[in-house]
Amino acid sequence: MWRWHAGPSLPIWISRLLERRRCAVTEQQQAMQELRRREFAMIDAGMYLDGHPEDETALQYFRAMSKKHQQAEEMYQKHFGPLYLSNAGTGKRWDWIDEPWPWEGV
């Protein structure tokens, strides 16, 4: 794996990208990023399966990613509130307005 040193020899845009990886990230941002990674893998596998519907390995991968996505979604909602309007109000009160919405600050 290549390791880059953010210094004067690199173009400024690359240095900025490398610096971003060092910035502090909140727990909520990490959870959202993990959810997005799982969703991307699931969608990517689904698109592959559209062209290769008989590929059992890909189907197993899709199912595994789908399960991991669901787990990441449940974890996010448990700690940070509902992701979707359809997940709000499952308790005794309307909780959609209690926490920052998923797109705020992430």
PDB file of N, CA and C in Angstrom:
ATOM      1  N   MET A   1       0.847  -1.182   0.000  1.00  0.00           N
ATOM      2  CA  MET A   1       0.000   0.000   0.000  1.00  0.00           C
ATOM      3  C   MET A   1       0.887   1.238   0.000  1.00  0.00           C
ATOM      4  N   TRP A   2       0.520   2.192  -0.825  1.00  0.00           N
ATOM      5  CA  TRP A   2       1.288   3.429  -0.904  1.00  0.00           C
ATOM      6  C   TRP A   2       0.958   4.337   0.266  1.00  0.00           C
ATOM      7  N   ARG A   3       1.956   4.979   0.782  1.00  0.00           N
ATOM      8  CA  ARG A   3       1.757   5.970   1.845  1.00  0.00           C
ATOM      9  C   ARG A   3       2.246   7.308   1.317  1.00  0.00           C
ATOM     10  N   TRP A   4       1.404   8.269   1.425  1.00  0.00           N
ATOM     11  CA  TRP A   4       1.747   9.599   0.939  1.00  0.00           C
ATOM     12  C   TRP A   4       2.031  10.513   2.114  1.00  0.00           C
ATOM     13  N   HIS A   5       2.933  11.415   1.905  1.00  0.00           N
ATOM     14  CA  HIS A   5       3.217  12.443   2.905  1.00  0.00           C
ATOM     15  C   HIS A   5       2.655  13.755   2.383  1.00  0.00           C
ATOM     16  N   ALA A   6       1.758  14.327   3.146  1.00  0.00           N
ATOM     17  CA  ALA A   6       1.174  15.609   2.739  1.00  0.00           C
ATOM     18  C   ALA A   6       2.203  16.696   2.962  1.00  0.00           C
ATOM     19  N   GLY A   7       2.810  17.119   1.915  1.00  0.00           N
ATOM     20  CA  GLY A   7       3.846  18.129   2.037  1.00  0.00           C
ATOM     21  C   GLY A   7       3.869  19.019   0.812  1.00  0.00           C
ATOM     22  N   PRO A   8       4.879  19.875   0.709  1.00  0.00           N
ATOM     23  CA  PRO A   8       4.931  20.835  -0.387  1.00  0.00           C
ATOM     24  C   PRO A   8       5.106  20.191  -1.761  1.00  0.00           C
ATOM     25  N   SER A   9       5.552  18.929  -1.818  1.00  0.00           N
ATOM     26  CA  SER A   9       5.766  18.294  -3.116  1.00  0.00           C
ATOM     27  C   SER A   9       4.468  17.799  -3.755  1.00  0.00           C
ATOM     28  N   LEU A  10       3.403  17.703  -2.973  1.00  0.00           N
ATOM     29  CA  LEU A  10       2.125  17.241  -3.509  1.00  0.00           C
ATOM     30  C   LEU A  10       1.269  18.424  -3.941  1.00  0.00           C
ATOM     31  N   PRO A  11       0.443  18.223  -4.964  1.00  0.00           N
ATOM     32  CA  PRO A  11      -0.508  19.284  -5.318  1.00  0.00           C
ATOM     33  C   PRO A  11      -1.395  19.605  -4.115  1.00  0.00           C
ATOM     34  N   ILE A  12      -1.817  20.845  -4.011  1.00  0.00           N
ATOM     35  CA  ILE A  12      -2.566  21.284  -2.833  1.00  0.00           C
ATOM     36  C   ILE A  12      -3.857  20.496  -2.644  1.00  0.00           C
ATOM     37  N   TRP A  13      -4.532  20.109  -3.731  1.00  0.00           N
ATOM     38  CA  TRP A  13      -5.792  19.392  -3.579  1.00  0.00           C
ATOM     39  C   TRP A  13      -5.579  18.012  -2.982  1.00  0.00           C
ATOM     40  N   ILE A  14      -4.454  17.373  -3.289  1.00  0.00           N
ATOM     41  CA  ILE A  14      -4.153  16.073  -2.679  1.00  0.00           C
ATOM     42  C   ILE A  14      -3.827  16.267  -1.204  1.00  0.00           C
ATOM     43  N   SER A  15      -3.060  17.293  -0.883  1.00  0.00           N
ATOM     44  CA  SER A  15      -2.737  17.580   0.519  1.00  0.00           C
ATOM     45  C   SER A  15      -4.005  17.800   1.332  1.00  0.00           C
ATOM     46  N   ARG A  16      -4.964  18.513   0.757  1.00  0.00           N
ATOM     47  CA  ARG A  16      -6.224  18.767   1.470  1.00  0.00           C
ATOM     48  C   ARG A  16      -7.011  17.481   1.685  1.00  0.00           C
ATOM     49  N   LEU A  17      -7.018  16.610   0.691  1.00  0.00           N
ATOM     50  CA  LEU A  17      -7.702  15.326   0.860  1.00  0.00           C
ATOM     51  C   LEU A  17      -7.067  14.521   1.984  1.00  0.00           C
ATOM     52  N   LEU A  18      -5.752  14.501   2.025  1.00  0.00           N
ATOM     53  CA  LEU A  18      -5.061  13.756   3.073  1.00  0.00           C
ATOM     54  C   LEU A  18      -5.305  14.369   4.444  1.00  0.00           C
ATOM     55  N   GLU A  19      -5.374  15.678   4.517  1.00  0.00           N
ATOM     56  CA  GLU A  19      -5.627  16.341   5.794  1.00  0.00           C
ATOM     57  C   GLU A  19      -7.030  16.026   6.309  1.00  0.00           C
ATOM     58  N   ARG A  20      -7.989  15.903   5.423  1.00  0.00           N
ATOM     59  CA  ARG A  20      -9.362  15.595   5.843  1.00  0.00           C
ATOM     60  C   ARG A  20      -9.444  14.275   6.583  1.00  0.00           C
ATOM     61  N   ARG A  21      -8.625  13.335   6.206  1.00  0.00           N
ATOM     62  CA  ARG A  21      -8.650  12.027   6.859  1.00  0.00           C
ATOM     63  C   ARG A  21      -8.171  12.132   8.302  1.00  0.00           C
ATOM     64  N   ARG A  22      -7.484  13.201   8.636  1.00  0.00           N
ATOM     65  CA  ARG A  22      -6.956  13.363   9.987  1.00  0.00           C
ATOM     66  C   ARG A  22      -7.889  14.155  10.897  1.00  0.00           C
ATOM     67  N   CYS A  23      -8.934  14.736  10.356  1.00  0.00           N
ATOM     68  CA  CYS A  23      -9.808  15.569  11.175  1.00  0.00           C
ATOM     69  C   CYS A  23     -10.693  14.707  12.068  1.00  0.00           C
ATOM     70  N   ALA A  24     -11.115  15.310  13.153  1.00  0.00           N
ATOM     71  CA  ALA A  24     -11.968  14.604  14.106  1.00  0.00           C
ATOM     72  C   ALA A  24     -13.330  14.334  13.472  1.00  0.00           C
ATOM     73  N   VAL A  25     -13.850  13.166  13.735  1.00  0.00           N
ATOM     74  CA  VAL A  25     -15.147  12.766  13.213  1.00  0.00           C
ATOM     75  C   VAL A  25     -15.997  12.334  14.395  1.00  0.00           C
ATOM     76  N   THR A  26     -17.236  12.783  14.414  1.00  0.00           N
ATOM     77  CA  THR A  26     -18.115  12.419  15.519  1.00  0.00           C
ATOM     78  C   THR A  26     -18.559  10.963  15.384  1.00  0.00           C
ATOM     79  N   GLU A  27     -19.051  10.436  16.471  1.00  0.00           N
ATOM     80  CA  GLU A  27     -19.555   9.061  16.468  1.00  0.00           C
ATOM     81  C   GLU A  27     -20.731   8.927  15.502  1.00  0.00           C
ATOM     82  N   GLN A  28     -21.569   9.954  15.450  1.00  0.00           N
ATOM     83  CA  GLN A  28     -22.707   9.927  14.535  1.00  0.00           C
ATOM     84  C   GLN A  28     -22.230   9.921  13.082  1.00  0.00           C
ATOM     85  N   GLN A  29     -21.217  10.707  12.779  1.00  0.00           N
ATOM     86  CA  GLN A  29     -20.686  10.729  11.420  1.00  0.00           C
ATOM     87  C   GLN A  29     -20.083   9.377  11.047  1.00  0.00           C
ATOM     88  N   GLN A  30     -19.392   8.750  11.989  1.00  0.00           N
ATOM     89  CA  GLN A  30     -18.826   7.427  11.732  1.00  0.00           C
ATOM     90  C   GLN A  30     -19.928   6.407  11.474  1.00  0.00           C
ATOM     91  N   ALA A  31     -20.992   6.465  12.255  1.00  0.00           N
ATOM     92  CA  ALA A  31     -22.109   5.535  12.076  1.00  0.00           C
ATOM     93  C   ALA A  31     -22.780   5.752  10.723  1.00  0.00           C
ATOM     94  N   MET A  32     -22.952   7.010  10.325  1.00  0.00           N
ATOM     95  CA  MET A  32     -23.564   7.301   9.029  1.00  0.00           C
ATOM     96  C   MET A  32     -22.652   6.842   7.893  1.00  0.00           C
ATOM     97  N   GLN A  33     -21.362   7.038   8.050  1.00  0.00           N
ATOM     98  CA  GLN A  33     -20.417   6.599   7.025  1.00  0.00           C
ATOM     99  C   GLN A  33     -20.452   5.073   6.877  1.00  0.00           C
ATOM    100  N   GLU A  34     -20.518   4.373   7.989  1.00  0.00           N
ATOM    101  CA  GLU A  34     -20.604   2.913   7.950  1.00  0.00           C
ATOM    102  C   GLU A  34     -21.898   2.477   7.265  1.00  0.00           C
ATOM    103  N   LEU A  35     -22.985   3.137   7.575  1.00  0.00           N
ATOM    104  CA  LEU A  35     -24.271   2.833   6.942  1.00  0.00           C
ATOM    105  C   LEU A  35     -24.188   3.054   5.433  1.00  0.00           C
ATOM    106  N   ARG A  36     -23.575   4.133   5.019  1.00  0.00           N
ATOM    107  CA  ARG A  36     -23.431   4.423   3.589  1.00  0.00           C
ATOM    108  C   ARG A  36     -22.552   3.389   2.891  1.00  0.00           C
ATOM    109  N   ARG A  37     -21.479   2.953   3.566  1.00  0.00           N
ATOM    110  CA  ARG A  37     -20.615   1.915   2.987  1.00  0.00           C
ATOM    111  C   ARG A  37     -21.394   0.626   2.760  1.00  0.00           C
ATOM    112  N   ARG A  38     -22.164   0.238   3.759  1.00  0.00           N
ATOM    113  CA  ARG A  38     -22.960  -0.991   3.647  1.00  0.00           C
ATOM    114  C   ARG A  38     -23.997  -0.856   2.531  1.00  0.00           C
ATOM    115  N   GLU A  39     -24.623   0.311   2.459  1.00  0.00           N
ATOM    116  CA  GLU A  39     -25.631   0.527   1.428  1.00  0.00           C
ATOM    117  C   GLU A  39     -25.011   0.475   0.035  1.00  0.00           C
ATOM    118  N   PHE A  40     -23.838   1.085  -0.119  1.00  0.00           N
ATOM    119  CA  PHE A  40     -23.152   1.060  -1.410  1.00  0.00           C
ATOM    120  C   PHE A  40     -22.838  -0.374  -1.826  1.00  0.00           C
ATOM    121  N   ALA A  41     -22.308  -1.177  -0.893  1.00  0.00           N
ATOM    122  CA  ALA A  41     -21.973  -2.570  -1.197  1.00  0.00           C
ATOM    123  C   ALA A  41     -23.219  -3.350  -1.597  1.00  0.00           C
ATOM    124  N   MET A  42     -24.310  -3.105  -0.906  1.00  0.00           N
ATOM    125  CA  MET A  42     -25.557  -3.802  -1.196  1.00  0.00           C
ATOM    126  C   MET A  42     -26.084  -3.409  -2.582  1.00  0.00           C
ATOM    127  N   ILE A  43     -26.083  -2.123  -2.892  1.00  0.00           N
ATOM    128  CA  ILE A  43     -26.559  -1.649  -4.193  1.00  0.00           C
ATOM    129  C   ILE A  43     -25.653  -2.156  -5.310  1.00  0.00           C
ATOM    130  N   ASP A  44     -24.344  -2.119  -5.080  1.00  0.00           N
ATOM    131  CA  ASP A  44     -23.388  -2.590  -6.075  1.00  0.00           C
ATOM    132  C   ASP A  44     -23.607  -4.072  -6.376  1.00  0.00           C
ATOM    133  N   ALA A  45     -23.778  -4.867  -5.337  1.00  0.00           N
ATOM    134  CA  ALA A  45     -24.028  -6.300  -5.526  1.00  0.00           C
ATOM    135  C   ALA A  45     -25.353  -6.524  -6.251  1.00  0.00           C
ATOM    136  N   GLY A  46     -26.364  -5.730  -5.912  1.00  0.00           N
ATOM    137  CA  GLY A  46     -27.656  -5.844  -6.584  1.00  0.00           C
ATOM    138  C   GLY A  46     -27.560  -5.527  -8.067  1.00  0.00           C
ATOM    139  N   MET A  47     -26.774  -4.517  -8.408  1.00  0.00           N
ATOM    140  CA  MET A  47     -26.589  -4.172  -9.819  1.00  0.00           C
ATOM    141  C   MET A  47     -25.853  -5.288 -10.554  1.00  0.00           C
ATOM    142  N   TYR A  48     -24.863  -5.884  -9.901  1.00  0.00           N
ATOM    143  CA  TYR A  48     -24.152  -7.012 -10.505  1.00  0.00           C
ATOM    144  C   TYR A  48     -25.124  -8.169 -10.739  1.00  0.00           C
ATOM    145  N   LEU A  49     -25.964  -8.428  -9.750  1.00  0.00           N
ATOM    146  CA  LEU A  49     -26.922  -9.530  -9.862  1.00  0.00           C
ATOM    147  C   LEU A  49     -27.961  -9.293 -10.958  1.00  0.00           C
ATOM    148  N   ASP A  50     -28.236  -8.035 -11.294  1.00  0.00           N
ATOM    149  CA  ASP A  50     -29.148  -7.751 -12.402  1.00  0.00           C
ATOM    150  C   ASP A  50     -28.636  -8.383 -13.696  1.00  0.00           C
ATOM    151  N   GLY A  51     -27.328  -8.399 -13.862  1.00  0.00           N
ATOM    152  CA  GLY A  51     -26.729  -8.976 -15.067  1.00  0.00           C
ATOM    153  C   GLY A  51     -26.293 -10.418 -14.913  1.00  0.00           C
ATOM    154  N   HIS A  52     -26.203 -10.889 -13.668  1.00  0.00           N
ATOM    155  CA  HIS A  52     -25.736 -12.250 -13.383  1.00  0.00           C
ATOM    156  C   HIS A  52     -26.638 -12.889 -12.324  1.00  0.00           C
ATOM    157  N   PRO A  53     -27.911 -13.084 -12.636  1.00  0.00           N
ATOM    158  CA  PRO A  53     -28.863 -13.550 -11.621  1.00  0.00           C
ATOM    159  C   PRO A  53     -28.609 -14.961 -11.097  1.00  0.00           C
ATOM    160  N   GLU A  54     -27.795 -15.745 -11.785  1.00  0.00           N
ATOM    161  CA  GLU A  54     -27.527 -17.121 -11.360  1.00  0.00           C
ATOM    162  C   GLU A  54     -26.269 -17.243 -10.503  1.00  0.00           C
ATOM    163  N   ASP A  55     -25.562 -16.149 -10.266  1.00  0.00           N
ATOM    164  CA  ASP A  55     -24.300 -16.184  -9.513  1.00  0.00           C
ATOM    165  C   ASP A  55     -24.600 -16.346  -8.021  1.00  0.00           C
ATOM    166  N   GLU A  56     -24.433 -17.556  -7.527  1.00  0.00           N
ATOM    167  CA  GLU A  56     -24.765 -17.858  -6.129  1.00  0.00           C
ATOM    168  C   GLU A  56     -23.845 -17.142  -5.145  1.00  0.00           C
ATOM    169  N   THR A  57     -22.571 -17.003  -5.508  1.00  0.00           N
ATOM    170  CA  THR A  57     -21.628 -16.306  -4.630  1.00  0.00           C
ATOM    171  C   THR A  57     -22.033 -14.842  -4.477  1.00  0.00           C
ATOM    172  N   ALA A  58     -22.410 -14.226  -5.578  1.00  0.00           N
ATOM    173  CA  ALA A  58     -22.849 -12.828  -5.533  1.00  0.00           C
ATOM    174  C   ALA A  58     -24.143 -12.693  -4.738  1.00  0.00           C
ATOM    175  N   LEU A  59     -25.022 -13.663  -4.880  1.00  0.00           N
ATOM    176  CA  LEU A  59     -26.277 -13.631  -4.133  1.00  0.00           C
ATOM    177  C   LEU A  59     -26.023 -13.761  -2.633  1.00  0.00           C
ATOM    178  N   GLN A  60     -25.097 -14.628  -2.253  1.00  0.00           N
ATOM    179  CA  GLN A  60     -24.730 -14.761  -0.839  1.00  0.00           C
ATOM    180  C   GLN A  60     -24.119 -13.461  -0.323  1.00  0.00           C
ATOM    181  N   TYR A  61     -23.256 -12.846  -1.141  1.00  0.00           N
ATOM    182  CA  TYR A  61     -22.643 -11.573  -0.768  1.00  0.00           C
ATOM    183  C   TYR A  61     -23.718 -10.499  -0.585  1.00  0.00           C
ATOM    184  N   PHE A  62     -24.674 -10.438  -1.523  1.00  0.00           N
ATOM    185  CA  PHE A  62     -25.760  -9.467  -1.417  1.00  0.00           C
ATOM    186  C   PHE A  62     -26.537  -9.662  -0.121  1.00  0.00           C
ATOM    187  N   ARG A  63     -26.862 -10.900   0.193  1.00  0.00           N
ATOM    188  CA  ARG A  63     -27.618 -11.177   1.418  1.00  0.00           C
ATOM    189  C   ARG A  63     -26.826 -10.782   2.658  1.00  0.00           C
ATOM    190  N   ALA A  64     -25.521 -11.065   2.646  1.00  0.00           N
ATOM    191  CA  ALA A  64     -24.672 -10.690   3.784  1.00  0.00           C
ATOM    192  C   ALA A  64     -24.613  -9.170   3.930  1.00  0.00           C
ATOM    193  N   MET A  65     -24.454  -8.453   2.815  1.00  0.00           N
ATOM    194  CA  MET A  65     -24.395  -6.993   2.860  1.00  0.00           C
ATOM    195  C   MET A  65     -25.738  -6.405   3.264  1.00  0.00           C
ATOM    196  N   SER A  66     -26.804  -7.016   2.812  1.00  0.00           N
ATOM    197  CA  SER A  66     -28.138  -6.559   3.183  1.00  0.00           C
ATOM    198  C   SER A  66     -28.347  -6.694   4.690  1.00  0.00           C
ATOM    199  N   LYS A  67     -27.911  -7.813   5.237  1.00  0.00           N
ATOM    200  CA  LYS A  67     -28.027  -8.029   6.684  1.00  0.00           C
ATOM    201  C   LYS A  67     -27.161  -7.033   7.454  1.00  0.00           C
ATOM    202  N   LYS A  68     -25.926  -6.812   6.983  1.00  0.00           N
ATOM    203  CA  LYS A  68     -25.039  -5.853   7.650  1.00  0.00           C
ATOM    204  C   LYS A  68     -25.588  -4.434   7.547  1.00  0.00           C
ATOM    205  N   HIS A  69     -26.207  -4.110   6.407  1.00  0.00           N
ATOM    206  CA  HIS A  69     -26.819  -2.793   6.246  1.00  0.00           C
ATOM    207  C   HIS A  69     -27.961  -2.619   7.238  1.00  0.00           C
ATOM    208  N   GLN A  70     -28.774  -3.647   7.374  1.00  0.00           N
ATOM    209  CA  GLN A  70     -29.891  -3.586   8.315  1.00  0.00           C
ATOM    210  C   GLN A  70     -29.375  -3.418   9.744  1.00  0.00           C
ATOM    211  N   GLN A  71     -28.303  -4.124  10.094  1.00  0.00           N
ATOM    212  CA  GLN A  71     -27.721  -3.999  11.432  1.00  0.00           C
ATOM    213  C   GLN A  71     -27.171  -2.595  11.654  1.00  0.00           C
ATOM    214  N   ALA A  72     -26.496  -2.040  10.652  1.00  0.00           N
ATOM    215  CA  ALA A  72     -25.952  -0.685  10.768  1.00  0.00           C
ATOM    216  C   ALA A  72     -27.079   0.334  10.901  1.00  0.00           C
ATOM    217  N   GLU A  73     -28.156   0.116  10.169  1.00  0.00           N
ATOM    218  CA  GLU A  73     -29.321   1.000  10.243  1.00  0.00           C
ATOM    219  C   GLU A  73     -29.949   0.954  11.639  1.00  0.00           C
ATOM    220  N   GLU A  74     -30.106  -0.242  12.172  1.00  0.00           N
ATOM    221  CA  GLU A  74     -30.682  -0.398  13.510  1.00  0.00           C
ATOM    222  C   GLU A  74     -29.789   0.242  14.569  1.00  0.00           C
ATOM    223  N   MET A  75     -28.475   0.055  14.434  1.00  0.00           N
ATOM    224  CA  MET A  75     -27.541   0.648  15.391  1.00  0.00           C
ATOM    225  C   MET A  75     -27.622   2.176  15.335  1.00  0.00           C
ATOM    226  N   TYR A  76     -27.655   2.729  14.128  1.00  0.00           N
ATOM    227  CA  TYR A  76     -27.736   4.174  13.985  1.00  0.00           C
ATOM    228  C   TYR A  76     -29.001   4.701  14.653  1.00  0.00           C
ATOM    229  N   GLN A  77     -30.130   4.083  14.357  1.00  0.00           N
ATOM    230  CA  GLN A  77     -31.403   4.557  14.894  1.00  0.00           C
ATOM    231  C   GLN A  77     -31.483   4.384  16.406  1.00  0.00           C
ATOM    232  N   LYS A  78     -30.860   3.364  16.922  1.00  0.00           N
ATOM    233  CA  LYS A  78     -30.853   3.145  18.372  1.00  0.00           C
ATOM    234  C   LYS A  78     -30.102   4.268  19.085  1.00  0.00           C
ATOM    235  N   HIS A  79     -29.003   4.717  18.491  1.00  0.00           N
ATOM    236  CA  HIS A  79     -28.162   5.724  19.144  1.00  0.00           C
ATOM    237  C   HIS A  79     -28.485   7.163  18.755  1.00  0.00           C
ATOM    238  N   PHE A  80     -28.978   7.375  17.529  1.00  0.00           N
ATOM    239  CA  PHE A  80     -29.112   8.746  17.039  1.00  0.00           C
ATOM    240  C   PHE A  80     -30.509   9.124  16.570  1.00  0.00           C
ATOM    241  N   GLY A  81     -31.463   8.234  16.709  1.00  0.00           N
ATOM    242  CA  GLY A  81     -32.827   8.556  16.309  1.00  0.00           C
ATOM    243  C   GLY A  81     -33.174   8.004  14.940  1.00  0.00           C
ATOM    244  N   PRO A  82     -34.435   8.190  14.537  1.00  0.00           N
ATOM    245  CA  PRO A  82     -34.911   7.595  13.288  1.00  0.00           C
ATOM    246  C   PRO A  82     -34.209   8.165  12.057  1.00  0.00           C
ATOM    247  N   LEU A  83     -33.955   7.287  11.106  1.00  0.00           N
ATOM    248  CA  LEU A  83     -33.361   7.686   9.829  1.00  0.00           C
ATOM    249  C   LEU A  83     -34.426   8.118   8.832  1.00  0.00           C
ATOM    250  N   TYR A  84     -35.567   7.496   8.915  1.00  0.00           N
ATOM    251  CA  TYR A  84     -36.637   7.726   7.954  1.00  0.00           C
ATOM    252  C   TYR A  84     -37.907   8.110   8.701  1.00  0.00           C
ATOM    253  N   LEU A  85     -38.724   8.861   8.046  1.00  0.00           N
ATOM    254  CA  LEU A  85     -39.988   9.272   8.644  1.00  0.00           C
ATOM    255  C   LEU A  85     -40.820   8.054   9.040  1.00  0.00           C
ATOM    256  N   SER A  86     -40.723   6.992   8.263  1.00  0.00           N
ATOM    257  CA  SER A  86     -41.497   5.781   8.562  1.00  0.00           C
ATOM    258  C   SER A  86     -41.042   5.098   9.851  1.00  0.00           C
ATOM    259  N   ASN A  87     -39.834   5.435  10.346  1.00  0.00           N
ATOM    260  CA  ASN A  87     -39.345   4.858  11.593  1.00  0.00           C
ATOM    261  C   ASN A  87     -39.636   5.745  12.801  1.00  0.00           C
ATOM    262  N   ALA A  88     -40.245   6.878  12.578  1.00  0.00           N
ATOM    263  CA  ALA A  88     -40.544   7.796  13.680  1.00  0.00           C
ATOM    264  C   ALA A  88     -41.871   7.421  14.326  1.00  0.00           C
ATOM    265  N   GLY A  89     -42.034   7.828  15.556  1.00  0.00           N
ATOM    266  CA  GLY A  89     -43.298   7.628  16.248  1.00  0.00           C
ATOM    267  C   GLY A  89     -43.585   6.193  16.626  1.00  0.00           C
ATOM    268  N   THR A  90     -42.552   5.390  16.781  1.00  0.00           N
ATOM    269  CA  THR A  90     -42.772   3.989  17.141  1.00  0.00           C
ATOM    270  C   THR A  90     -42.993   3.813  18.633  1.00  0.00           C
ATOM    271  N   GLY A  91     -42.645   4.824  19.415  1.00  0.00           N
ATOM    272  CA  GLY A  91     -42.862   4.769  20.859  1.00  0.00           C
ATOM    273  C   GLY A  91     -44.178   5.434  21.218  1.00  0.00           C
ATOM    274  N   LYS A  92     -44.216   6.039  22.399  1.00  0.00           N
ATOM    275  CA  LYS A  92     -45.449   6.683  22.866  1.00  0.00           C
ATOM    276  C   LYS A  92     -45.594   8.116  22.375  1.00  0.00           C
ATOM    277  N   ARG A  93     -44.548   8.642  21.744  1.00  0.00           N
ATOM    278  CA  ARG A  93     -44.623  10.019  21.260  1.00  0.00           C
ATOM    279  C   ARG A  93     -43.912  10.156  19.922  1.00  0.00           C
ATOM    280  N   TRP A  94     -44.138  11.284  19.274  1.00  0.00           N
ATOM    281  CA  TRP A  94     -43.513  11.581  17.988  1.00  0.00           C
ATOM    282  C   TRP A  94     -42.073  12.000  18.238  1.00  0.00           C
ATOM    283  N   ASP A  95     -41.105  11.157  17.833  1.00  0.00           N
ATOM    284  CA  ASP A  95     -39.699  11.412  18.147  1.00  0.00           C
ATOM    285  C   ASP A  95     -38.876  11.921  16.970  1.00  0.00           C
ATOM    286  N   TRP A  96     -39.506  12.175  15.847  1.00  0.00           N
ATOM    287  CA  TRP A  96     -38.777  12.630  14.667  1.00  0.00           C
ATOM    288  C   TRP A  96     -38.066  13.960  14.919  1.00  0.00           C
ATOM    289  N   ILE A  97     -38.629  14.805  15.762  1.00  0.00           N
ATOM    290  CA  ILE A  97     -38.058  16.134  15.994  1.00  0.00           C
ATOM    291  C   ILE A  97     -37.070  16.168  17.154  1.00  0.00           C
ATOM    292  N   ASP A  98     -36.880  15.067  17.867  1.00  0.00           N
ATOM    293  CA  ASP A  98     -36.036  15.065  19.060  1.00  0.00           C
ATOM    294  C   ASP A  98     -34.543  15.194  18.774  1.00  0.00           C
ATOM    295  N   GLU A  99     -34.070  14.527  17.772  1.00  0.00           N
ATOM    296  CA  GLU A  99     -32.642  14.489  17.464  1.00  0.00           C
ATOM    297  C   GLU A  99     -32.377  15.275  16.187  1.00  0.00           C
ATOM    298  N   PRO A 100     -31.106  15.623  15.943  1.00  0.00           N
ATOM    299  CA  PRO A 100     -30.809  16.208  14.629  1.00  0.00           C
ATOM    300  C   PRO A 100     -31.174  15.200  13.539  1.00  0.00           C
ATOM    301  N   TRP A 101     -31.653  15.690  12.431  1.00  0.00           N
ATOM    302  CA  TRP A 101     -32.014  14.794  11.337  1.00  0.00           C
ATOM    303  C   TRP A 101     -30.758  14.169  10.755  1.00  0.00           C
ATOM    304  N   PRO A 102     -30.890  13.027  10.091  1.00  0.00           N
ATOM    305  CA  PRO A 102     -29.714  12.294   9.611  1.00  0.00           C
ATOM    306  C   PRO A 102     -28.770  13.121   8.747  1.00  0.00           C
ATOM    307  N   TRP A 103     -29.275  14.082   8.016  1.00  0.00           N
ATOM    308  CA  TRP A 103     -28.433  14.873   7.125  1.00  0.00           C
ATOM    309  C   TRP A 103     -27.820  16.091   7.806  1.00  0.00           C
ATOM    310  N   GLU A 104     -28.170  16.359   9.043  1.00  0.00           N
ATOM    311  CA  GLU A 104     -27.618  17.519   9.749  1.00  0.00           C
ATOM    312  C   GLU A 104     -26.294  17.159  10.412  1.00  0.00           C
ATOM    313  N   GLY A 105     -25.264  17.845  10.025  1.00  0.00           N
ATOM    314  CA  GLY A 105     -23.961  17.668  10.664  1.00  0.00           C
ATOM    315  C   GLY A 105     -23.253  16.374  10.315  1.00  0.00           C
ATOM    316  N   VAL A 106     -23.715  15.701   9.300  1.00  0.00           N
ATOM    317  CA  VAL A 106     -23.054  14.445   8.911  1.00  0.00           C
ATOM    318  C   VAL A 106     -22.459  14.607   7.547  1.00  0.00           C
TER     319      VAL A 106
END
